[in-house]
Every structure is written in C-alpha cells, then in structure tokens.
Amino acid sequence: MLVEIDERRMHSMLEAADTIYALFAFVQGQEESYEAHREEWGQTLQFPQKKKPDAITAPSSEKEVVAEPKQEREKNSYAAFLKIYKKEFKNMQNKTKLKIEKALAAEPRFHSRVYEKRARINGVEIYGSASSQSECENRFLSDLVTKLELLTPAEGSARQKRYSKTITFAEWSAVWLEEVFKTSVGAYTYEREAKTFERHVLPAFGKIKLRDIALLDCMKFFQSLKSKGIERTAETCYGLMNRIFGFAVDNELLSKNPMAGMKPVKHERVNGVPLSKQEELELLAAVRGKEYEVMIVLALYSGLRPCELPSAKVAGEFVVAQNRKQKSAKVVFKKIPITPMLEPYRALLEQELPTRAAKFSKFMLDKTFKAAMPNHRLYDLRDTFATRCQECGVPETVVQAWMGHVPRTLLGKVYTKFSDDYLLSEGKKVKY
C-alpha cells in the first residue's frame, strides 16, 4: 500500500522525529555526540535544520516566506509609530504608553507558517497576522490605531485646536454640559442644575485653565459653600465638577482628576413631617380663595412634587403629570386617581389648574404655604399624602407608583403593571 505525503506534512514529521532523537540522546547522556553528528545524519534522513524563524524557507511547492530585513521592518516599528502619532502618544497616560511600547517592541510569533502578533491594551485585543513579518507588523499597527481610536495627524491637529490643554474650565464645562449632561438627564434637571452651576461654580473657576485647578482650590471652594449653609447646593456642585474633571481625564486633557483626593460632599437630608389631620383642615381654611389654593390642594391629595405641579392636568378619573424623578432624558408621565378627598375639588381643578399652571411660580406657592403653615415645608404635603394612603390600607407598591418612585425589586421594576381599574379601586380607599 502506497501512502503519499506532501512536503509540508513530511517537513513537520521530520521535525518531530528530530525532537524525539534529541530527547533519546539526552536521556542516554549522548547529546553532545548527537549534536556533533546531526548535520551528517540530516543529509541522509533529510532532517530540517534548526534555524530562526526569519531564515525558515517554505517548501518549493509553496510561496517562499522570507522575513524582511530589520531595516525594512523599522518602517512599522515603534520609532515610526512615534513619528506619526507623537502628539497623540504624548497625551496618553503613562500606563497606556508602556503597554503600547511593549506591544510594538515585541517580535511576531511564527506559527503554522504564519507570523502572528497580538496584545491586550486597556482591555482591547490587538491582533495582526500575515505570511511575511513586515506585513504582520503593518496589520498589527493598523489594528492598534483603529481599535484605540488614534487620530490621523490632520484629525489630531483639529482636536488639539478645539480641545487644547490651555482650555479654560468654563470652555470645557460648556462642552460637557451640552454634549454629555444635557443628553443624559431630563430638561427640568438640566435647567435646574445648570443654573446652580452657573451661579456658584463658574464665578470661582470659569476663567482658570483646566489644568491649573488644584485639589486645594476645590477644597476651599466647597468649604465656602458649607460656611454659607447651602450644603445641598455644595453636593450638587460636587457631583457636576467631579464628572467634568473625569470627562477631561477620559479625553486626556488631564492626567488626574484634581478632586480624586477629596472626600465626597454630601448634605444631611431632613425627612419630611406629615401634617396632622387637624393641620390639614387649618391649611385648607387658610388658603381658601387664594391664588395658589388649587396647587396646594392638588399637592396635598395627589403627592405631586412642587416641580411636577405645572405639568398636571385632569384626565378622566386621574390626575396626570410628568414624573420629574426620572434621571434619563426620556419624558415619563404618572397618573394618580382622583380620590374621595380630591373629588370635591374637581371643579376647581378643571377651572383653575390650566391658568395657574401656565403662570406657575414656585416662590409664590412656597410663600402662600408658609403663611398658613410656618412650621412645615411645602414638601411635607407629599409626605402627608403617602402617609394617609398607607393609613387607609393602600399597598406600598401602589403608593410608590403614585409617588413616581422606581420599585426596589425586580418584580416591581419589570413585571408589575397596574391596571387603571385596580388603581381606581385602591384610590377609593383614601377617605378619612
């Protein structure tokens, strides 16, 4: 029986045989004798000669694979990379620089007659392979540039011109607010926090170069806010500034967030105090006939946040309003049934609510409430509604839906969708 073996397979078999013979020689203590006679045996047995990958030649039946001279390969080497991407490389973090240096300096691996080169940089797999070492290096470099999103010299110049390291804090914060923050939160949240930022942060840091702001500057700024007794404002400013500096680090305008060494700024939240039933009666009597009576009644018997009142309207047996608790830019509405406590005021809602919503003033609403209830906050009406609903036997999950809170459990978040009939039946319980 005649078995035909191609030259490539024969080459692999002879190489394996050579390894086995060398192992036997080592075990027998005759490795020196084996090495001395190997060349002579190889001429008879046609053993493959041990050579470096650069010098290995392919069988005559295949295309010859010849490694490029070292001088030619330098066109795609580390030095060539630095020449093209010098500015980009200079702005990278040191850890990333070292990984790229190591990857570019490494020699390709020769396996199954193909040159391969791979690396992992910042969690990204970089790979290149080809039949020649020069082409392998070229493909590896191309993959590195693409996956790490390095810019061409022309693009790099444009970016440096737009986002220079001399950019001021005001210029960079404007970029972040418009391109990042505005697209990730609702319109109300954006307007409110942007005003806070403009009023408190920009006067302190706006004209300073981004890279010149130090940790001590930030600490003094937040201490000044706390000394004014506006700790909640300080917390908002801390969150905005921390994200702005982090965004600058991500875009390689800063090597480190100057606020990284700071303790997070948080204010101690004060829990609301529900009104007693007697205080409810006193409040309703005090605001009767006043300009903002309809808004206070609605807040008391629906649990709407003050910022949600302007969007409220009557829709059949429900009050519908925008849920301002949503952090995303998506507009979400919630609906609260008109309970027996709110039903007597239906005519007032239908007549006065559209006009008052169009001319809404949070200042005037708060002033009207404070005149009637000096020992309470306007937000206490929300706590009052939640408390009365649970006292009347409404399930907590339903109250959460009315209040516009996100359920804490997976069952509530994903699967629970209350029908209108069920919500109306639960709303009828709120009678006291």
Protein backbone atom coordinates (compact mmCIF):
# COMPACT_ATOMS: atom_id res chain seq x y z
CA MET A 1 0.00 0.00 0.00
CA LEU A 2 1.44 3.33 -1.12
CA VAL A 3 0.80 6.41 1.06
CA GLU A 4 1.55 9.80 -0.44
CA ILE A 5 2.73 12.52 1.96
CA ASP A 6 3.01 16.11 0.82
CA GLU A 7 6.15 18.07 1.51
CA ARG A 8 4.60 20.22 4.22
CA ARG A 9 3.47 17.22 6.28
CA MET A 10 6.80 15.46 5.72
CA HIS A 11 8.57 18.57 6.96
CA SER A 12 6.50 18.50 10.21
CA MET A 13 7.07 14.75 10.70
CA LEU A 14 10.84 15.07 10.27
CA GLU A 15 10.93 17.95 12.70
CA ALA A 16 9.04 15.83 15.29
CA ALA A 17 11.41 12.93 14.70
CA ASP A 18 14.38 15.19 15.21
CA THR A 19 12.97 16.26 18.60
CA ILE A 20 12.45 12.64 19.66
CA TYR A 21 16.01 11.63 18.66
CA ALA A 22 17.40 14.59 20.59
CA LEU A 23 15.39 13.53 23.66
CA PHE A 24 16.75 9.96 23.47
CA ALA A 25 20.28 11.31 23.16
CA PHE A 26 19.77 13.48 26.25
CA VAL A 27 18.42 10.55 28.30
CA GLN A 28 21.38 8.40 27.27
CA GLY A 29 23.84 11.18 28.02
CA GLN A 30 24.93 11.37 24.37
CA GLU A 31 23.53 14.80 23.46
CA GLU A 32 27.00 16.11 22.56
CA SER A 33 27.55 13.18 20.22
CA TYR A 34 24.11 13.73 18.69
CA GLU A 35 24.77 17.40 18.02
CA ALA A 36 28.15 16.61 16.52
CA HIS A 37 26.71 14.07 14.05
CA ARG A 38 23.34 15.77 13.49
CA GLU A 39 24.36 17.55 10.30
CA GLU A 40 25.72 14.29 8.84
CA TRP A 41 22.55 12.38 9.75
CA GLY A 42 20.38 15.19 8.46
CA GLN A 43 21.82 14.86 4.96
CA THR A 44 20.79 11.19 4.93
CA LEU A 45 17.48 11.42 6.83
CA GLN A 46 16.59 14.90 5.49
CA PHE A 47 16.07 16.38 8.96
CA PRO A 48 15.03 20.05 8.95
CA GLN A 49 17.81 22.34 10.10
CA LYS A 50 17.20 24.35 13.29
CA LYS A 51 17.08 27.97 12.25
CA LYS A 52 15.47 31.17 13.44
CA PRO A 53 12.02 31.96 12.03
CA ASP A 54 13.47 34.77 9.93
CA ALA A 55 15.51 32.29 7.96
CA ILE A 56 12.96 29.50 7.51
CA THR A 57 12.06 28.90 3.90
CA ALA A 58 8.91 27.29 2.62
CA PRO A 59 8.85 24.04 0.59
CA SER A 60 9.41 24.51 -3.10
CA SER A 61 5.72 23.83 -3.87
CA GLU A 62 4.57 26.84 -1.82
CA LYS A 63 5.26 30.55 -1.98
CA GLU A 64 8.54 31.31 -0.31
CA VAL A 65 8.27 33.07 3.08
CA VAL A 66 11.25 35.29 3.70
CA ALA A 67 11.49 37.64 6.67
CA GLU A 68 12.06 41.24 5.90
CA PRO A 69 15.44 42.70 6.85
CA LYS A 70 15.38 44.52 10.15
CA GLN A 71 15.99 47.88 8.46
CA GLU A 72 12.87 47.41 6.31
CA ARG A 73 10.71 46.37 9.24
CA GLU A 74 11.55 49.57 11.10
CA LYS A 75 9.09 51.38 8.84
CA ASN A 76 6.32 49.90 11.02
CA SER A 77 8.29 49.88 14.24
CA TYR A 78 7.92 51.76 17.49
CA ALA A 79 10.10 54.61 16.17
CA ALA A 80 7.91 55.01 13.09
CA PHE A 81 4.79 54.96 15.26
CA LEU A 82 6.13 57.74 17.45
CA LYS A 83 6.99 59.79 14.38
CA ILE A 84 3.40 59.64 13.11
CA TYR A 85 1.50 59.79 16.42
CA LYS A 86 3.92 61.79 18.53
CA LYS A 87 1.33 64.27 19.86
CA GLU A 88 -1.29 61.59 20.49
CA PHE A 89 1.24 59.41 22.32
CA LYS A 90 2.46 62.33 24.43
CA ASN A 91 -1.05 62.99 25.77
CA MET A 92 -1.68 59.36 26.78
CA GLN A 93 -1.49 58.13 30.34
CA ASN A 94 1.86 56.57 31.31
CA LYS A 95 0.30 53.15 31.86
CA THR A 96 -1.08 53.11 28.32
CA LYS A 97 2.23 54.35 26.90
CA LEU A 98 4.12 51.46 28.48
CA LYS A 99 1.66 48.90 27.14
CA ILE A 100 1.95 50.29 23.59
CA GLU A 101 5.76 50.42 23.81
CA LYS A 102 5.88 46.80 24.92
CA ALA A 103 3.43 45.68 22.22
CA LEU A 104 5.29 47.40 19.39
CA ALA A 105 8.70 46.21 20.54
CA ALA A 106 7.61 42.54 20.75
CA GLU A 107 8.64 40.20 17.90
CA PRO A 108 5.88 38.41 15.96
CA ARG A 109 5.36 34.73 16.65
CA PHE A 110 5.90 32.29 13.77
CA HIS A 111 3.29 29.54 13.95
CA SER A 112 1.99 27.17 11.24
CA ARG A 113 3.95 29.13 8.66
CA VAL A 114 2.21 32.39 9.57
CA TYR A 115 3.54 35.35 11.53
CA GLU A 116 1.22 36.45 14.35
CA LYS A 117 1.37 39.37 16.75
CA ARG A 118 -1.17 40.10 19.45
CA ALA A 119 -1.50 42.30 22.54
CA ARG A 120 -4.11 43.42 25.04
CA ILE A 121 -4.14 47.16 25.77
CA ASN A 122 -6.68 48.60 28.22
CA GLY A 123 -8.95 45.60 27.72
CA VAL A 124 -8.81 45.83 23.90
CA GLU A 125 -7.46 42.90 21.86
CA ILE A 126 -4.97 43.99 19.16
CA TYR A 127 -4.04 41.40 16.51
CA GLY A 128 -2.20 41.11 13.21
CA SER A 129 -1.14 38.13 11.08
CA ALA A 130 0.42 37.60 7.65
CA SER A 131 2.76 35.32 5.73
CA SER A 132 5.56 37.90 5.97
CA GLN A 133 6.86 39.54 9.09
CA SER A 134 6.69 43.03 7.61
CA GLU A 135 3.03 42.68 6.62
CA CYS A 136 2.22 41.20 10.05
CA GLU A 137 3.73 44.26 11.76
CA ASN A 138 1.83 46.53 9.38
CA ARG A 139 -1.54 44.86 10.09
CA PHE A 140 -0.89 44.85 13.84
CA LEU A 141 -0.17 48.57 13.81
CA SER A 142 -3.27 49.26 11.72
CA ASP A 143 -5.44 47.28 14.17
CA LEU A 144 -3.89 49.14 17.11
CA VAL A 145 -4.60 52.55 15.57
CA THR A 146 -8.19 51.59 14.69
CA LYS A 147 -9.20 49.97 17.97
CA LEU A 148 -7.56 52.58 20.21
CA GLU A 149 -9.21 55.24 18.04
CA LEU A 150 -5.99 57.14 17.42
CA LEU A 151 -6.42 60.07 15.10
CA THR A 152 -4.51 60.82 11.93
CA PRO A 153 -2.14 63.81 12.11
CA ALA A 154 -4.75 66.03 10.43
CA GLU A 155 -7.52 64.89 12.78
CA GLY A 156 -5.18 65.21 15.75
CA SER A 157 -4.37 68.80 14.85
CA ALA A 158 -8.08 69.61 14.62
CA ARG A 159 -8.81 68.08 18.01
CA GLN A 160 -5.86 69.79 19.63
CA LYS A 161 -7.07 73.06 18.21
CA ARG A 162 -10.59 72.53 19.56
CA TYR A 163 -9.68 70.93 22.89
CA SER A 164 -6.29 72.39 23.70
CA LYS A 165 -4.62 71.81 27.05
CA THR A 166 -4.87 75.57 27.58
CA ILE A 167 -8.67 75.34 27.57
CA THR A 168 -10.35 77.12 30.47
CA PHE A 169 -12.68 75.45 32.95
CA ALA A 170 -15.64 77.45 31.59
CA GLU A 171 -14.95 76.34 27.99
CA TRP A 172 -14.59 72.67 28.91
CA SER A 173 -17.61 72.64 31.23
CA ALA A 174 -19.71 74.12 28.41
CA VAL A 175 -18.68 71.18 26.20
CA TRP A 176 -19.60 68.65 28.92
CA LEU A 177 -22.92 70.28 29.77
CA GLU A 178 -24.03 70.41 26.14
CA GLU A 179 -22.68 67.12 24.77
CA VAL A 180 -22.90 64.83 27.82
CA PHE A 181 -25.09 66.11 30.64
CA LYS A 182 -27.92 67.56 28.56
CA THR A 183 -28.42 64.29 26.68
CA SER A 184 -28.46 62.14 29.82
CA VAL A 185 -31.00 63.91 32.07
CA GLY A 186 -34.44 65.43 31.76
CA ALA A 187 -34.95 69.04 30.68
CA TYR A 188 -36.02 70.16 34.16
CA THR A 189 -32.99 68.59 35.85
CA TYR A 190 -30.66 70.08 33.26
CA GLU A 191 -32.05 73.59 33.64
CA ARG A 192 -32.04 73.47 37.44
CA GLU A 193 -28.50 72.09 37.85
CA ALA A 194 -27.07 74.19 35.01
CA LYS A 195 -28.33 77.32 36.78
CA THR A 196 -26.77 76.17 40.06
CA PHE A 197 -23.50 75.53 38.23
CA GLU A 198 -23.56 78.92 36.52
CA ARG A 199 -24.34 80.76 39.73
CA HIS A 200 -21.81 79.13 42.07
CA VAL A 201 -19.06 77.27 40.16
CA LEU A 202 -18.30 79.45 37.13
CA PRO A 203 -17.55 82.63 39.14
CA ALA A 204 -14.94 80.67 41.11
CA PHE A 205 -13.28 78.60 38.35
CA GLY A 206 -14.57 79.80 34.97
CA LYS A 207 -11.54 81.84 33.86
CA ILE A 208 -8.91 79.44 35.23
CA LYS A 209 -7.20 77.00 32.88
CA LEU A 210 -8.49 73.48 33.40
CA ARG A 211 -5.04 72.06 34.12
CA ASP A 212 -4.25 74.79 36.70
CA ILE A 213 -7.06 73.86 39.11
CA ALA A 214 -5.64 72.04 42.15
CA LEU A 215 -7.14 69.93 44.92
CA LEU A 216 -6.70 72.72 47.46
CA ASP A 217 -8.67 75.13 45.25
CA CYS A 218 -11.61 72.72 45.18
CA MET A 219 -11.49 72.10 48.93
CA LYS A 220 -11.57 75.84 49.69
CA PHE A 221 -14.49 76.31 47.30
CA PHE A 222 -16.66 73.66 48.98
CA GLN A 223 -15.75 74.92 52.43
CA SER A 224 -17.02 78.37 51.41
CA LEU A 225 -20.34 76.85 50.25
CA LYS A 226 -20.75 74.96 53.52
CA SER A 227 -19.99 78.10 55.53
CA LYS A 228 -22.93 79.79 53.75
CA GLY A 229 -25.24 76.97 54.89
CA ILE A 230 -26.06 75.76 51.37
CA GLU A 231 -24.88 72.18 51.77
CA ARG A 232 -27.34 70.76 49.26
CA THR A 233 -26.00 73.19 46.65
CA ALA A 234 -22.48 72.09 47.59
CA GLU A 235 -23.47 68.46 46.96
CA THR A 236 -24.86 69.34 43.51
CA CYS A 237 -21.73 71.31 42.59
CA TYR A 238 -19.51 68.47 43.76
CA GLY A 239 -21.27 65.97 41.51
CA LEU A 240 -21.09 68.25 38.46
CA MET A 241 -17.43 69.25 38.93
CA ASN A 242 -16.32 65.68 39.61
CA ARG A 243 -17.90 64.49 36.36
CA ILE A 244 -16.44 67.41 34.39
CA PHE A 245 -12.91 66.65 35.60
CA GLY A 246 -13.43 62.93 34.97
CA PHE A 247 -14.52 63.70 31.42
CA ALA A 248 -11.34 65.74 30.94
CA VAL A 249 -9.25 62.77 32.12
CA ASP A 250 -11.07 60.48 29.68
CA ASN A 251 -10.26 62.91 26.86
CA GLU A 252 -6.61 63.09 28.00
CA LEU A 253 -6.72 66.79 28.80
CA LEU A 254 -5.83 65.97 32.39
CA SER A 255 -3.68 63.16 33.74
CA LYS A 256 -5.62 63.04 37.01
CA ASN A 257 -8.89 64.31 38.45
CA PRO A 258 -7.91 67.08 40.93
CA MET A 259 -10.89 66.11 43.12
CA ALA A 260 -9.82 62.46 43.36
CA GLY A 261 -8.33 63.05 46.81
CA MET A 262 -11.43 64.75 48.21
CA LYS A 263 -13.99 63.24 50.50
CA PRO A 264 -17.40 63.27 48.71
CA VAL A 265 -19.54 66.27 49.63
CA LYS A 266 -22.95 65.23 50.93
CA HIS A 267 -25.57 67.07 52.91
CA GLU A 268 -27.70 65.51 55.61
CA ARG A 269 -31.21 65.17 54.28
CA VAL A 270 -34.09 66.12 56.56
CA ASN A 271 -37.08 63.80 56.49
CA GLY A 272 -40.45 65.38 55.97
CA VAL A 273 -43.02 65.71 58.74
CA PRO A 274 -46.61 64.86 57.69
CA LEU A 275 -49.35 67.28 58.62
CA SER A 276 -51.85 66.09 61.19
CA LYS A 277 -55.48 65.84 60.14
CA GLN A 278 -56.24 68.97 62.16
CA GLU A 279 -53.39 70.82 60.40
CA GLU A 280 -54.82 69.72 57.03
CA LEU A 281 -58.13 71.41 57.90
CA GLU A 282 -56.34 74.56 59.07
CA LEU A 283 -54.29 74.67 55.84
CA LEU A 284 -57.34 74.30 53.60
CA ALA A 285 -59.14 77.04 55.50
CA ALA A 286 -56.13 79.37 55.31
CA VAL A 287 -55.63 79.07 51.54
CA ARG A 288 -59.33 79.07 50.53
CA GLY A 289 -59.87 81.64 47.78
CA LYS A 290 -56.13 82.34 47.47
CA GLU A 291 -54.34 82.41 44.12
CA TYR A 292 -52.47 79.15 44.75
CA GLU A 293 -55.28 77.25 46.51
CA VAL A 294 -55.64 74.83 43.60
CA MET A 295 -51.94 73.93 43.66
CA ILE A 296 -51.82 73.33 47.42
CA VAL A 297 -54.97 71.19 47.33
CA LEU A 298 -53.54 69.17 44.43
CA ALA A 299 -50.20 68.64 46.20
CA LEU A 300 -51.96 67.58 49.42
CA TYR A 301 -54.26 65.00 47.78
CA SER A 302 -52.04 63.69 44.96
CA GLY A 303 -48.49 63.69 46.39
CA LEU A 304 -47.07 65.57 43.40
CA ARG A 305 -43.70 67.24 43.83
CA PRO A 306 -43.78 71.05 43.62
CA CYS A 307 -41.83 70.89 40.33
CA GLU A 308 -44.44 68.47 38.90
CA LEU A 309 -47.46 70.69 39.56
CA PRO A 310 -47.13 72.87 36.39
CA SER A 311 -47.43 69.76 34.18
CA ALA A 312 -50.51 68.39 35.96
CA LYS A 313 -53.88 68.09 34.26
CA VAL A 314 -57.15 66.24 34.81
CA ALA A 315 -57.69 63.25 32.51
CA GLY A 316 -60.94 61.47 33.28
CA GLU A 317 -60.71 59.90 36.72
CA PHE A 318 -56.96 60.59 37.01
CA VAL A 319 -54.56 63.46 37.53
CA VAL A 320 -51.70 63.06 35.03
CA ALA A 321 -48.31 64.77 35.49
CA GLN A 322 -44.73 64.40 34.33
CA ASN A 323 -42.55 62.33 36.66
CA ARG A 324 -39.57 64.57 37.47
CA LYS A 325 -37.82 61.78 39.36
CA GLN A 326 -36.65 60.23 36.07
CA LYS A 327 -32.90 60.79 35.57
CA SER A 328 -32.91 59.98 31.89
CA ALA A 329 -33.79 62.43 29.12
CA LYS A 330 -36.93 60.40 28.38
CA VAL A 331 -40.18 62.08 29.43
CA VAL A 332 -42.28 59.81 31.68
CA PHE A 333 -45.79 60.56 32.97
CA LYS A 334 -47.52 59.18 36.05
CA LYS A 335 -51.19 59.17 37.00
CA ILE A 336 -52.88 59.37 40.36
CA PRO A 337 -56.58 58.59 40.77
CA ILE A 338 -58.90 61.34 41.92
CA THR A 339 -59.57 60.08 45.43
CA PRO A 340 -62.67 60.82 47.54
CA MET A 341 -60.60 63.50 49.28
CA LEU A 342 -59.81 65.26 45.98
CA GLU A 343 -63.21 64.74 44.31
CA PRO A 344 -64.88 67.79 45.98
CA TYR A 345 -62.23 69.96 44.30
CA ARG A 346 -62.69 68.55 40.77
CA ALA A 347 -64.45 71.71 39.51
CA LEU A 348 -61.69 73.89 40.98
CA LEU A 349 -59.05 71.73 39.25
CA GLU A 350 -60.75 71.87 35.87
CA GLN A 351 -61.27 75.64 36.02
CA GLU A 352 -58.15 76.97 37.72
CA LEU A 353 -55.40 74.41 37.08
CA PRO A 354 -54.66 75.28 33.38
CA THR A 355 -54.35 79.01 34.15
CA ARG A 356 -52.30 78.57 37.30
CA ALA A 357 -50.00 76.01 35.62
CA ALA A 358 -49.26 78.47 32.80
CA LYS A 359 -48.32 81.21 35.33
CA PHE A 360 -46.70 78.97 37.92
CA SER A 361 -44.27 80.46 40.44
CA LYS A 362 -42.54 78.20 42.92
CA PHE A 363 -41.67 81.23 45.06
CA MET A 364 -45.30 82.37 45.34
CA LEU A 365 -46.52 78.81 46.02
CA ASP A 366 -44.00 78.39 48.84
CA LYS A 367 -44.87 81.84 50.24
CA THR A 368 -48.59 81.01 50.30
CA PHE A 369 -47.96 77.71 52.06
CA LYS A 370 -45.54 79.19 54.62
CA ALA A 371 -48.04 81.86 55.56
CA ALA A 372 -50.51 79.12 56.50
CA MET A 373 -48.08 76.53 57.92
CA PRO A 374 -44.91 78.27 59.18
CA ASN A 375 -43.67 75.12 60.96
CA HIS A 376 -43.79 72.93 57.85
CA ARG A 377 -42.11 72.75 54.45
CA LEU A 378 -44.04 72.64 51.20
CA TYR A 379 -42.56 69.20 50.56
CA ASP A 380 -44.33 67.94 53.72
CA LEU A 381 -47.56 67.76 51.69
CA ARG A 382 -46.00 64.87 49.77
CA ASP A 383 -45.18 63.04 53.00
CA THR A 384 -48.72 63.67 54.17
CA PHE A 385 -50.26 62.07 51.08
CA ALA A 386 -48.02 58.98 51.28
CA THR A 387 -48.82 58.57 54.98
CA ARG A 388 -52.58 58.90 54.57
CA CYS A 389 -52.66 56.41 51.68
CA GLN A 390 -50.96 53.72 53.75
CA GLU A 391 -53.11 54.50 56.79
CA CYS A 392 -56.15 53.87 54.57
CA GLY A 393 -54.83 50.44 53.52
CA VAL A 394 -53.32 51.17 50.08
CA PRO A 395 -50.43 48.73 49.35
CA GLU A 396 -46.94 50.24 49.46
CA THR A 397 -46.21 49.24 45.83
CA VAL A 398 -49.27 51.18 44.65
CA VAL A 399 -48.28 54.23 46.71
CA GLN A 400 -44.81 54.04 45.13
CA ALA A 401 -46.40 54.11 41.67
CA TRP A 402 -48.49 57.17 42.58
CA MET A 403 -45.48 58.92 44.09
CA GLY A 404 -43.37 58.22 40.98
CA HIS A 405 -40.73 56.12 42.73
CA VAL A 406 -38.89 53.26 41.00
CA PRO A 407 -39.78 49.90 42.64
CA ARG A 408 -36.89 48.32 44.54
CA THR A 409 -37.47 44.73 43.44
CA LEU A 410 -37.10 43.10 40.03
CA LEU A 411 -40.73 42.00 40.24
CA GLY A 412 -41.85 45.58 40.66
CA LYS A 413 -39.49 47.06 38.05
CA VAL A 414 -40.09 44.61 35.23
CA TYR A 415 -43.27 42.63 35.68
CA THR A 416 -45.75 44.66 37.74
CA LYS A 417 -48.03 46.89 35.65
CA PHE A 418 -51.15 48.01 37.49
CA SER A 419 -54.40 48.38 35.52
CA ASP A 420 -56.45 51.57 35.67
CA ASP A 421 -59.37 49.74 37.27
CA TYR A 422 -57.12 48.46 40.05
CA LEU A 423 -55.60 51.90 40.68
CA LEU A 424 -59.07 53.47 40.83
CA SER A 425 -60.29 50.83 43.27
CA GLU A 426 -57.29 51.49 45.53
CA GLY A 427 -57.81 55.23 45.20
CA LYS A 428 -61.33 54.90 46.62
CA LYS A 429 -59.78 53.69 49.88
CA VAL A 430 -58.19 57.12 50.50
CA LYS A 431 -61.04 58.57 52.52
CA TYR A 432 -60.68 59.88 56.05
